[in-house]
N, C-alpha and C. Protein backbone atom coordinates (compact mmCIF):
# COMPACT_ATOMS: atom_id res chain seq x y z
N MET A 1 103.67 95.14 105.59
CA MET A 1 103.95 94.28 104.46
C MET A 1 103.00 93.10 104.42
N ALA A 2 102.60 92.61 105.59
CA ALA A 2 101.69 91.48 105.64
C ALA A 2 100.38 91.78 104.91
N ALA A 3 99.96 93.04 104.93
CA ALA A 3 98.70 93.41 104.27
C ALA A 3 98.72 93.10 102.79
N ILE A 4 99.84 93.35 102.13
CA ILE A 4 99.89 93.06 100.69
C ILE A 4 100.45 91.68 100.42
N VAL A 5 101.36 91.21 101.25
CA VAL A 5 101.92 89.89 101.03
C VAL A 5 100.81 88.85 101.12
N GLY A 6 99.88 89.02 102.04
CA GLY A 6 98.75 88.11 102.14
C GLY A 6 97.90 88.11 100.88
N ARG A 7 97.95 89.18 100.14
CA ARG A 7 97.18 89.28 98.89
C ARG A 7 98.01 88.85 97.69
N GLU A 8 99.26 88.45 97.88
CA GLU A 8 100.11 88.01 96.78
C GLU A 8 99.46 86.84 96.06
N GLN A 9 98.68 86.06 96.78
CA GLN A 9 97.98 84.95 96.15
C GLN A 9 97.04 85.46 95.06
N ARG A 10 96.55 86.70 95.19
CA ARG A 10 95.65 87.27 94.19
C ARG A 10 96.40 88.04 93.11
N ILE A 11 97.53 88.63 93.45
CA ILE A 11 98.23 89.44 92.46
C ILE A 11 99.30 88.67 91.69
N HIS A 12 99.91 87.68 92.31
CA HIS A 12 100.90 86.83 91.64
C HIS A 12 102.10 87.59 91.10
N HIS A 13 102.51 88.65 91.76
CA HIS A 13 103.68 89.41 91.34
C HIS A 13 104.57 89.71 92.53
N THR A 14 105.80 90.07 92.25
CA THR A 14 106.75 90.45 93.29
C THR A 14 106.32 91.77 93.91
N VAL A 15 106.52 91.90 95.22
CA VAL A 15 106.14 93.11 95.94
C VAL A 15 107.39 93.66 96.63
N ALA A 16 107.62 94.96 96.48
CA ALA A 16 108.77 95.60 97.12
C ALA A 16 108.30 96.78 97.97
N LEU A 17 108.96 96.98 99.10
CA LEU A 17 108.78 98.17 99.93
C LEU A 17 110.04 99.00 99.79
N SER A 18 109.87 100.31 99.62
CA SER A 18 111.02 101.20 99.47
C SER A 18 110.83 102.45 100.31
N VAL A 19 111.96 103.02 100.72
CA VAL A 19 111.98 104.30 101.44
C VAL A 19 112.92 105.23 100.71
N TRP A 20 112.87 106.51 101.08
CA TRP A 20 113.82 107.49 100.53
C TRP A 20 115.09 107.39 101.35
N GLY A 21 116.16 106.88 100.77
CA GLY A 21 117.43 106.73 101.45
C GLY A 21 118.42 107.79 101.02
N ASN A 22 119.67 107.65 101.43
CA ASN A 22 120.73 108.62 101.10
C ASN A 22 120.96 108.75 99.60
N ALA A 23 120.73 107.67 98.86
CA ALA A 23 120.96 107.69 97.42
C ALA A 23 119.67 107.77 96.63
N GLY A 24 118.53 108.02 97.31
CA GLY A 24 117.25 108.11 96.62
C GLY A 24 116.34 106.96 97.01
N PRO A 25 115.35 106.62 96.16
CA PRO A 25 114.39 105.56 96.48
C PRO A 25 115.11 104.21 96.61
N THR A 26 115.04 103.62 97.80
CA THR A 26 115.82 102.42 98.10
C THR A 26 114.91 101.28 98.58
N VAL A 27 115.06 100.11 97.97
CA VAL A 27 114.29 98.93 98.36
C VAL A 27 114.75 98.47 99.74
N ILE A 28 113.78 98.26 100.64
CA ILE A 28 114.13 97.78 101.99
C ILE A 28 113.60 96.38 102.26
N HIS A 29 112.60 95.94 101.49
CA HIS A 29 112.06 94.60 101.68
C HIS A 29 111.49 94.11 100.36
N LEU A 30 111.60 92.81 100.13
CA LEU A 30 111.15 92.22 98.88
C LEU A 30 110.46 90.89 99.17
N GLU A 31 109.29 90.71 98.59
CA GLU A 31 108.58 89.43 98.64
C GLU A 31 108.48 88.97 97.19
N GLU A 32 109.26 87.95 96.86
CA GLU A 32 109.29 87.50 95.48
C GLU A 32 108.13 86.58 95.17
N SER A 33 107.63 86.71 93.96
CA SER A 33 106.54 85.89 93.47
C SER A 33 107.10 84.61 92.88
N SER A 34 106.22 83.66 92.66
CA SER A 34 106.64 82.44 91.98
C SER A 34 106.82 82.69 90.48
N TYR A 35 106.32 83.84 90.00
CA TYR A 35 106.53 84.22 88.60
C TYR A 35 107.82 85.02 88.52
N PRO A 36 108.83 84.51 87.81
CA PRO A 36 110.13 85.20 87.79
C PRO A 36 110.09 86.51 86.99
N ILE A 37 110.91 87.46 87.43
CA ILE A 37 111.14 88.68 86.67
C ILE A 37 112.62 88.73 86.33
N HIS A 38 112.94 89.33 85.22
CA HIS A 38 114.31 89.35 84.74
C HIS A 38 115.00 90.65 85.11
N MET A 39 115.29 90.77 86.40
CA MET A 39 116.05 91.92 86.89
C MET A 39 116.65 91.55 88.23
N ASN A 40 117.73 92.21 88.56
CA ASN A 40 118.42 91.96 89.83
C ASN A 40 117.89 92.97 90.84
N LEU A 41 116.97 92.54 91.68
CA LEU A 41 116.35 93.41 92.66
C LEU A 41 116.49 92.78 94.03
N ARG A 42 117.00 93.55 94.98
CA ARG A 42 117.17 93.06 96.35
C ARG A 42 117.18 94.26 97.30
N PRO A 43 117.03 94.02 98.60
CA PRO A 43 117.13 95.14 99.54
C PRO A 43 118.44 95.90 99.34
N GLY A 44 118.33 97.23 99.33
CA GLY A 44 119.48 98.08 99.08
C GLY A 44 119.55 98.61 97.66
N THR A 45 118.75 98.02 96.76
CA THR A 45 118.72 98.49 95.38
C THR A 45 118.12 99.90 95.35
N VAL A 46 118.76 100.80 94.62
CA VAL A 46 118.28 102.17 94.46
C VAL A 46 117.57 102.26 93.12
N MET A 47 116.40 102.90 93.13
CA MET A 47 115.58 103.01 91.94
C MET A 47 115.62 104.44 91.39
N ALA A 48 115.82 104.57 90.09
CA ALA A 48 115.82 105.89 89.45
C ALA A 48 114.40 106.45 89.39
N LEU A 49 114.28 107.73 89.10
CA LEU A 49 112.97 108.37 89.00
C LEU A 49 112.15 107.86 87.82
N THR A 50 112.76 107.15 86.90
CA THR A 50 112.03 106.61 85.75
C THR A 50 111.33 105.29 86.08
N THR A 51 111.58 104.73 87.26
CA THR A 51 110.88 103.52 87.70
C THR A 51 109.58 103.92 88.39
N ALA A 52 108.66 102.98 88.53
CA ALA A 52 107.40 103.28 89.23
C ALA A 52 107.69 103.72 90.66
N THR A 53 108.60 103.04 91.33
CA THR A 53 108.96 103.41 92.70
C THR A 53 109.51 104.83 92.75
N GLY A 54 110.43 105.14 91.87
CA GLY A 54 111.01 106.48 91.82
C GLY A 54 109.99 107.55 91.51
N GLN A 55 109.05 107.24 90.62
CA GLN A 55 108.02 108.21 90.26
C GLN A 55 107.13 108.55 91.45
N VAL A 56 106.81 107.55 92.28
CA VAL A 56 105.98 107.82 93.46
C VAL A 56 106.70 108.76 94.40
N PHE A 57 107.98 108.51 94.65
CA PHE A 57 108.73 109.42 95.52
C PHE A 57 108.87 110.79 94.86
N GLY A 58 109.11 110.81 93.56
CA GLY A 58 109.23 112.08 92.85
C GLY A 58 107.97 112.91 92.93
N ALA A 59 106.82 112.24 92.90
CA ALA A 59 105.54 112.95 92.93
C ALA A 59 105.18 113.46 94.31
N TYR A 60 105.62 112.78 95.37
CA TYR A 60 105.14 113.12 96.72
C TYR A 60 106.20 113.61 97.69
N MET A 61 107.47 113.52 97.35
CA MET A 61 108.52 114.10 98.20
C MET A 61 108.56 115.60 97.95
N PRO A 62 109.15 116.37 98.86
CA PRO A 62 109.31 117.81 98.59
C PRO A 62 110.10 118.01 97.28
N ALA A 63 109.60 118.89 96.44
CA ALA A 63 110.20 119.11 95.12
C ALA A 63 111.69 119.43 95.20
N LYS A 64 112.10 120.24 96.15
CA LYS A 64 113.52 120.61 96.26
C LYS A 64 114.39 119.39 96.54
N THR A 65 113.91 118.47 97.35
CA THR A 65 114.66 117.25 97.66
C THR A 65 114.84 116.41 96.40
N VAL A 66 113.78 116.23 95.65
CA VAL A 66 113.84 115.40 94.45
C VAL A 66 114.67 116.09 93.37
N GLU A 67 114.49 117.39 93.24
CA GLU A 67 115.26 118.13 92.24
C GLU A 67 116.76 118.04 92.52
N ARG A 68 117.13 118.11 93.79
CA ARG A 68 118.54 117.96 94.17
C ARG A 68 119.03 116.55 93.83
N TYR A 69 118.21 115.53 94.10
CA TYR A 69 118.56 114.14 93.76
C TYR A 69 118.79 114.00 92.26
N VAL A 70 117.88 114.56 91.45
CA VAL A 70 118.01 114.47 90.00
C VAL A 70 119.29 115.15 89.54
N GLY A 71 119.59 116.31 90.10
CA GLY A 71 120.82 117.02 89.74
C GLY A 71 122.07 116.25 90.11
N GLU A 72 122.08 115.67 91.31
CA GLU A 72 123.25 114.90 91.76
C GLU A 72 123.40 113.60 90.97
N SER A 73 122.30 112.98 90.62
CA SER A 73 122.38 111.71 89.92
C SER A 73 122.81 111.86 88.46
N ALA A 74 122.78 113.07 87.94
CA ALA A 74 123.18 113.30 86.56
C ALA A 74 124.69 113.21 86.37
N HIS A 75 125.46 113.29 87.44
CA HIS A 75 126.91 113.20 87.35
C HIS A 75 127.33 111.75 87.14
N PRO A 76 128.16 111.46 86.13
CA PRO A 76 128.60 110.09 85.87
C PRO A 76 129.23 109.45 87.12
N GLY A 77 128.77 108.26 87.45
CA GLY A 77 129.32 107.54 88.58
C GLY A 77 128.78 107.96 89.94
N ALA A 78 127.87 108.93 89.98
CA ALA A 78 127.34 109.41 91.26
C ALA A 78 126.64 108.30 92.01
N PHE A 79 125.80 107.56 91.32
CA PHE A 79 125.07 106.43 91.90
C PHE A 79 125.24 105.25 90.94
N PRO A 80 126.30 104.46 91.10
CA PRO A 80 126.60 103.43 90.11
C PRO A 80 125.64 102.24 90.07
N HIS A 81 124.88 102.01 91.11
CA HIS A 81 124.03 100.81 91.15
C HIS A 81 122.55 101.17 91.20
N VAL A 82 122.12 102.00 90.30
CA VAL A 82 120.74 102.45 90.26
C VAL A 82 120.01 101.70 89.14
N VAL A 83 118.80 101.19 89.46
CA VAL A 83 117.96 100.55 88.46
C VAL A 83 117.18 101.63 87.73
N GLY A 84 117.28 101.63 86.41
CA GLY A 84 116.53 102.60 85.61
C GLY A 84 117.42 103.70 85.09
N ALA A 85 116.90 104.41 84.11
CA ALA A 85 117.63 105.50 83.48
C ALA A 85 117.43 106.80 84.25
N PHE A 86 118.40 107.68 84.12
CA PHE A 86 118.27 109.00 84.74
C PHE A 86 117.52 109.93 83.79
N CYS A 87 116.96 110.99 84.32
CA CYS A 87 116.18 111.93 83.53
C CYS A 87 116.39 113.32 84.10
N SER A 88 115.94 114.30 83.35
CA SER A 88 116.03 115.67 83.85
C SER A 88 114.78 115.98 84.67
N TRP A 89 114.90 116.96 85.55
CA TRP A 89 113.79 117.38 86.39
C TRP A 89 112.63 117.87 85.52
N LYS A 90 112.94 118.62 84.49
CA LYS A 90 111.91 119.18 83.63
C LYS A 90 111.17 118.08 82.85
N GLU A 91 111.89 117.10 82.31
CA GLU A 91 111.23 116.08 81.49
C GLU A 91 110.37 115.11 82.29
N ILE A 92 110.61 114.98 83.60
CA ILE A 92 109.84 114.04 84.42
C ILE A 92 108.55 114.66 84.95
N GLN A 93 108.39 115.98 84.85
CA GLN A 93 107.22 116.66 85.41
C GLN A 93 105.87 116.12 84.93
N PRO A 94 105.65 115.90 83.63
CA PRO A 94 104.34 115.37 83.21
C PRO A 94 104.06 113.98 83.81
N THR A 95 105.09 113.18 83.94
CA THR A 95 104.92 111.85 84.54
C THR A 95 104.55 111.97 86.01
N LEU A 96 105.20 112.87 86.74
CA LEU A 96 104.89 113.05 88.16
C LEU A 96 103.47 113.58 88.36
N GLN A 97 103.01 114.41 87.44
CA GLN A 97 101.62 114.88 87.52
C GLN A 97 100.65 113.73 87.28
N GLU A 98 100.99 112.85 86.35
CA GLU A 98 100.15 111.67 86.09
C GLU A 98 100.07 110.80 87.35
N VAL A 99 101.18 110.65 88.06
CA VAL A 99 101.19 109.88 89.31
C VAL A 99 100.24 110.52 90.31
N ARG A 100 100.32 111.83 90.48
CA ARG A 100 99.44 112.52 91.42
C ARG A 100 97.97 112.40 90.98
N ASP A 101 97.72 112.46 89.68
CA ASP A 101 96.35 112.34 89.17
C ASP A 101 95.74 110.97 89.47
N HIS A 102 96.55 109.92 89.36
CA HIS A 102 96.07 108.54 89.57
C HIS A 102 96.29 108.05 90.99
N GLY A 103 97.11 108.76 91.77
CA GLY A 103 97.42 108.31 93.13
C GLY A 103 98.39 107.16 93.16
N MET A 104 99.00 106.86 92.02
CA MET A 104 99.97 105.78 91.92
C MET A 104 100.73 105.91 90.60
N ALA A 105 101.84 105.19 90.51
CA ALA A 105 102.65 105.21 89.29
C ALA A 105 102.50 103.90 88.54
N ARG A 106 102.76 103.98 87.23
CA ARG A 106 102.70 102.79 86.39
C ARG A 106 103.82 102.88 85.35
N VAL A 107 104.55 101.79 85.18
CA VAL A 107 105.50 101.69 84.08
C VAL A 107 105.23 100.38 83.35
N ILE A 108 105.35 100.41 82.05
CA ILE A 108 105.08 99.24 81.23
C ILE A 108 106.31 98.96 80.36
N GLY A 109 107.04 97.93 80.70
CA GLY A 109 108.20 97.52 79.91
C GLY A 109 109.34 98.52 79.88
N ARG A 110 109.38 99.40 80.84
CA ARG A 110 110.47 100.36 80.94
C ARG A 110 110.66 100.77 82.39
N PRO A 111 111.73 101.20 82.82
CA PRO A 111 112.97 101.34 82.07
C PRO A 111 113.65 100.01 81.78
N ILE A 112 113.11 98.91 82.30
CA ILE A 112 113.68 97.59 82.04
C ILE A 112 112.75 96.85 81.09
N PRO A 113 113.20 96.55 79.88
CA PRO A 113 112.35 95.85 78.93
C PRO A 113 111.84 94.53 79.52
N GLY A 114 110.55 94.29 79.34
CA GLY A 114 109.95 93.05 79.82
C GLY A 114 109.48 93.07 81.26
N VAL A 115 109.68 94.20 81.96
CA VAL A 115 109.27 94.31 83.36
C VAL A 115 108.32 95.51 83.50
N SER A 116 107.19 95.29 84.14
CA SER A 116 106.22 96.36 84.37
C SER A 116 105.91 96.46 85.86
N ALA A 117 105.35 97.60 86.28
CA ALA A 117 105.11 97.80 87.71
C ALA A 117 104.04 98.85 87.96
N PHE A 118 103.41 98.72 89.12
CA PHE A 118 102.58 99.75 89.72
C PHE A 118 103.23 100.07 91.06
N ALA A 119 103.19 101.32 91.48
CA ALA A 119 103.69 101.70 92.81
C ALA A 119 102.74 102.72 93.41
N ALA A 120 102.56 102.61 94.73
CA ALA A 120 101.66 103.53 95.44
C ALA A 120 102.34 104.04 96.70
N PRO A 121 102.02 105.29 97.09
CA PRO A 121 102.61 105.86 98.30
C PRO A 121 101.86 105.46 99.57
N VAL A 122 102.61 105.36 100.65
CA VAL A 122 102.05 105.20 101.98
C VAL A 122 102.45 106.46 102.73
N PHE A 123 101.46 107.16 103.29
CA PHE A 123 101.70 108.43 103.97
C PHE A 123 101.69 108.25 105.49
N ASP A 124 102.49 109.08 106.17
CA ASP A 124 102.49 109.06 107.63
C ASP A 124 101.44 110.04 108.17
N SER A 125 101.40 110.18 109.47
CA SER A 125 100.37 111.03 110.10
C SER A 125 100.50 112.50 109.74
N ASN A 126 101.66 112.92 109.26
CA ASN A 126 101.87 114.31 108.84
C ASN A 126 101.61 114.52 107.36
N GLY A 127 101.22 113.46 106.66
CA GLY A 127 100.96 113.57 105.22
C GLY A 127 102.19 113.46 104.36
N HIS A 128 103.31 113.02 104.94
CA HIS A 128 104.54 112.84 104.18
C HIS A 128 104.64 111.40 103.70
N ILE A 129 105.19 111.20 102.51
CA ILE A 129 105.38 109.85 102.03
C ILE A 129 106.39 109.14 102.93
N ALA A 130 106.01 107.97 103.43
CA ALA A 130 106.88 107.20 104.31
C ALA A 130 107.48 106.01 103.57
N VAL A 131 106.68 105.39 102.73
CA VAL A 131 107.07 104.16 102.04
C VAL A 131 106.38 104.12 100.68
N ALA A 132 107.01 103.47 99.73
CA ALA A 132 106.35 103.15 98.46
C ALA A 132 106.20 101.64 98.40
N ILE A 133 105.02 101.20 98.00
CA ILE A 133 104.77 99.77 97.76
C ILE A 133 104.72 99.59 96.25
N THR A 134 105.49 98.62 95.75
CA THR A 134 105.57 98.40 94.32
C THR A 134 105.25 96.95 93.99
N ILE A 135 104.40 96.75 93.01
CA ILE A 135 104.10 95.43 92.46
C ILE A 135 104.85 95.35 91.14
N ILE A 136 105.67 94.30 90.98
CA ILE A 136 106.53 94.17 89.81
C ILE A 136 106.30 92.81 89.16
N GLY A 137 106.15 92.82 87.83
CA GLY A 137 105.94 91.55 87.14
C GLY A 137 106.38 91.59 85.70
N PRO A 138 106.42 90.41 85.07
CA PRO A 138 106.78 90.36 83.65
C PRO A 138 105.68 91.01 82.81
N THR A 139 106.07 91.86 81.90
CA THR A 139 105.13 92.63 81.11
C THR A 139 104.07 91.76 80.43
N GLY A 140 104.46 90.61 79.93
CA GLY A 140 103.52 89.73 79.24
C GLY A 140 102.37 89.25 80.11
N GLY A 141 102.57 89.17 81.42
CA GLY A 141 101.52 88.70 82.31
C GLY A 141 101.06 89.76 83.29
N PHE A 142 101.28 91.01 82.95
CA PHE A 142 100.98 92.12 83.85
C PHE A 142 99.88 92.98 83.24
N ASP A 143 98.75 93.07 83.92
CA ASP A 143 97.65 93.91 83.44
C ASP A 143 97.98 95.37 83.76
N PRO A 144 98.21 96.21 82.75
CA PRO A 144 98.63 97.59 82.99
C PRO A 144 97.47 98.59 83.14
N ASP A 145 96.24 98.13 83.12
CA ASP A 145 95.10 99.03 83.22
C ASP A 145 95.05 99.68 84.60
N TRP A 146 94.84 101.00 84.63
CA TRP A 146 94.77 101.73 85.90
C TRP A 146 93.72 101.16 86.84
N GLY A 147 92.68 100.56 86.32
CA GLY A 147 91.60 100.04 87.15
C GLY A 147 91.63 98.53 87.35
N CYS A 148 92.72 97.87 86.96
CA CYS A 148 92.80 96.42 87.08
C CYS A 148 92.85 95.98 88.55
N GLU A 149 92.68 94.68 88.76
CA GLU A 149 92.67 94.15 90.13
C GLU A 149 93.97 94.46 90.87
N ASN A 150 95.12 94.32 90.20
CA ASN A 150 96.40 94.63 90.85
C ASN A 150 96.44 96.07 91.34
N ALA A 151 96.01 96.98 90.50
CA ALA A 151 96.02 98.40 90.88
C ALA A 151 95.06 98.65 92.04
N ARG A 152 93.89 98.04 91.99
CA ARG A 152 92.92 98.22 93.08
C ARG A 152 93.45 97.67 94.40
N ILE A 153 94.05 96.48 94.36
CA ILE A 153 94.60 95.88 95.58
C ILE A 153 95.71 96.77 96.14
N LEU A 154 96.59 97.23 95.27
CA LEU A 154 97.71 98.07 95.70
C LEU A 154 97.21 99.35 96.37
N LYS A 155 96.26 100.02 95.75
CA LYS A 155 95.73 101.25 96.35
C LYS A 155 95.03 100.97 97.67
N GLU A 156 94.31 99.88 97.74
CA GLU A 156 93.61 99.50 98.97
C GLU A 156 94.62 99.27 100.12
N VAL A 157 95.67 98.55 99.82
CA VAL A 157 96.68 98.27 100.85
C VAL A 157 97.41 99.54 101.26
N ALA A 158 97.75 100.39 100.28
CA ALA A 158 98.42 101.66 100.60
C ALA A 158 97.54 102.52 101.50
N LYS A 159 96.24 102.55 101.23
CA LYS A 159 95.31 103.30 102.08
C LYS A 159 95.29 102.74 103.49
N GLU A 160 95.18 101.41 103.59
CA GLU A 160 95.14 100.77 104.91
C GLU A 160 96.40 101.07 105.71
N LEU A 161 97.55 100.95 105.08
CA LEU A 161 98.80 101.22 105.78
C LEU A 161 98.92 102.69 106.17
N SER A 162 98.50 103.57 105.29
CA SER A 162 98.54 105.01 105.61
C SER A 162 97.64 105.31 106.80
N ARG A 163 96.45 104.76 106.79
CA ARG A 163 95.54 104.98 107.92
C ARG A 163 96.12 104.42 109.21
N SER A 164 96.81 103.28 109.13
CA SER A 164 97.41 102.71 110.34
C SER A 164 98.55 103.57 110.86
N LEU A 165 99.11 104.43 110.00
CA LEU A 165 100.15 105.38 110.42
C LEU A 165 99.56 106.72 110.84
N GLY A 166 98.23 106.83 110.81
CA GLY A 166 97.57 108.05 111.27
C GLY A 166 97.20 109.02 110.17
N PHE A 167 97.35 108.64 108.92
CA PHE A 167 97.02 109.50 107.79
C PHE A 167 95.51 109.46 107.53
N SER A 168 94.89 110.62 107.35
CA SER A 168 93.44 110.63 107.14
C SER A 168 93.00 111.54 106.00
N ASP A 169 93.92 111.95 105.15
CA ASP A 169 93.59 112.83 104.03
C ASP A 169 92.93 112.01 102.90
N SER A 170 92.51 112.69 101.87
CA SER A 170 91.83 112.01 100.76
C SER A 170 92.70 111.93 99.51
N LYS A 171 94.03 111.86 99.64
CA LYS A 171 94.91 111.80 98.47
C LYS A 171 94.68 110.56 97.63
N TYR A 172 94.09 109.53 98.21
CA TYR A 172 93.86 108.30 97.47
C TYR A 172 92.56 108.31 96.71
N GLU A 173 91.69 109.23 96.97
CA GLU A 173 90.36 109.22 96.37
C GLU A 173 90.38 109.75 94.97
């Protein structure tokens, strides 16, 4: 976390670390920015697949695991405290392919109006997603370009962390 938190001075947005928990993508650590965002986010918050964090896990977790999560989450009340809207496995496929194509996820003003984010995967030595790093900010002050400084910093940090976990593949290239 220090790798990206130290760069918060350059990105000026909130940074979250998430893992795949029992209820899906779950925030485990949060570094809040001085720029406020209008959402209730804290450790333990579960993110739907329609969020940038959820999309990263959806794109890189085993398909059967994610498909089961999507099926279970479709039941009313299954996961009452999830940020973001639920979706079907079929309708999320083009988005997950876009995540794999760019090596990261991006959402602009959705699923929470006024909040945008980039998220990138951190891989372990076996090539499995271990953590998602997400940069979250108010849409009005968030550069959504795939090649913007925020996106470059995020990918750089995700690469560094993956390499420190023993990952050496070229999924980030």
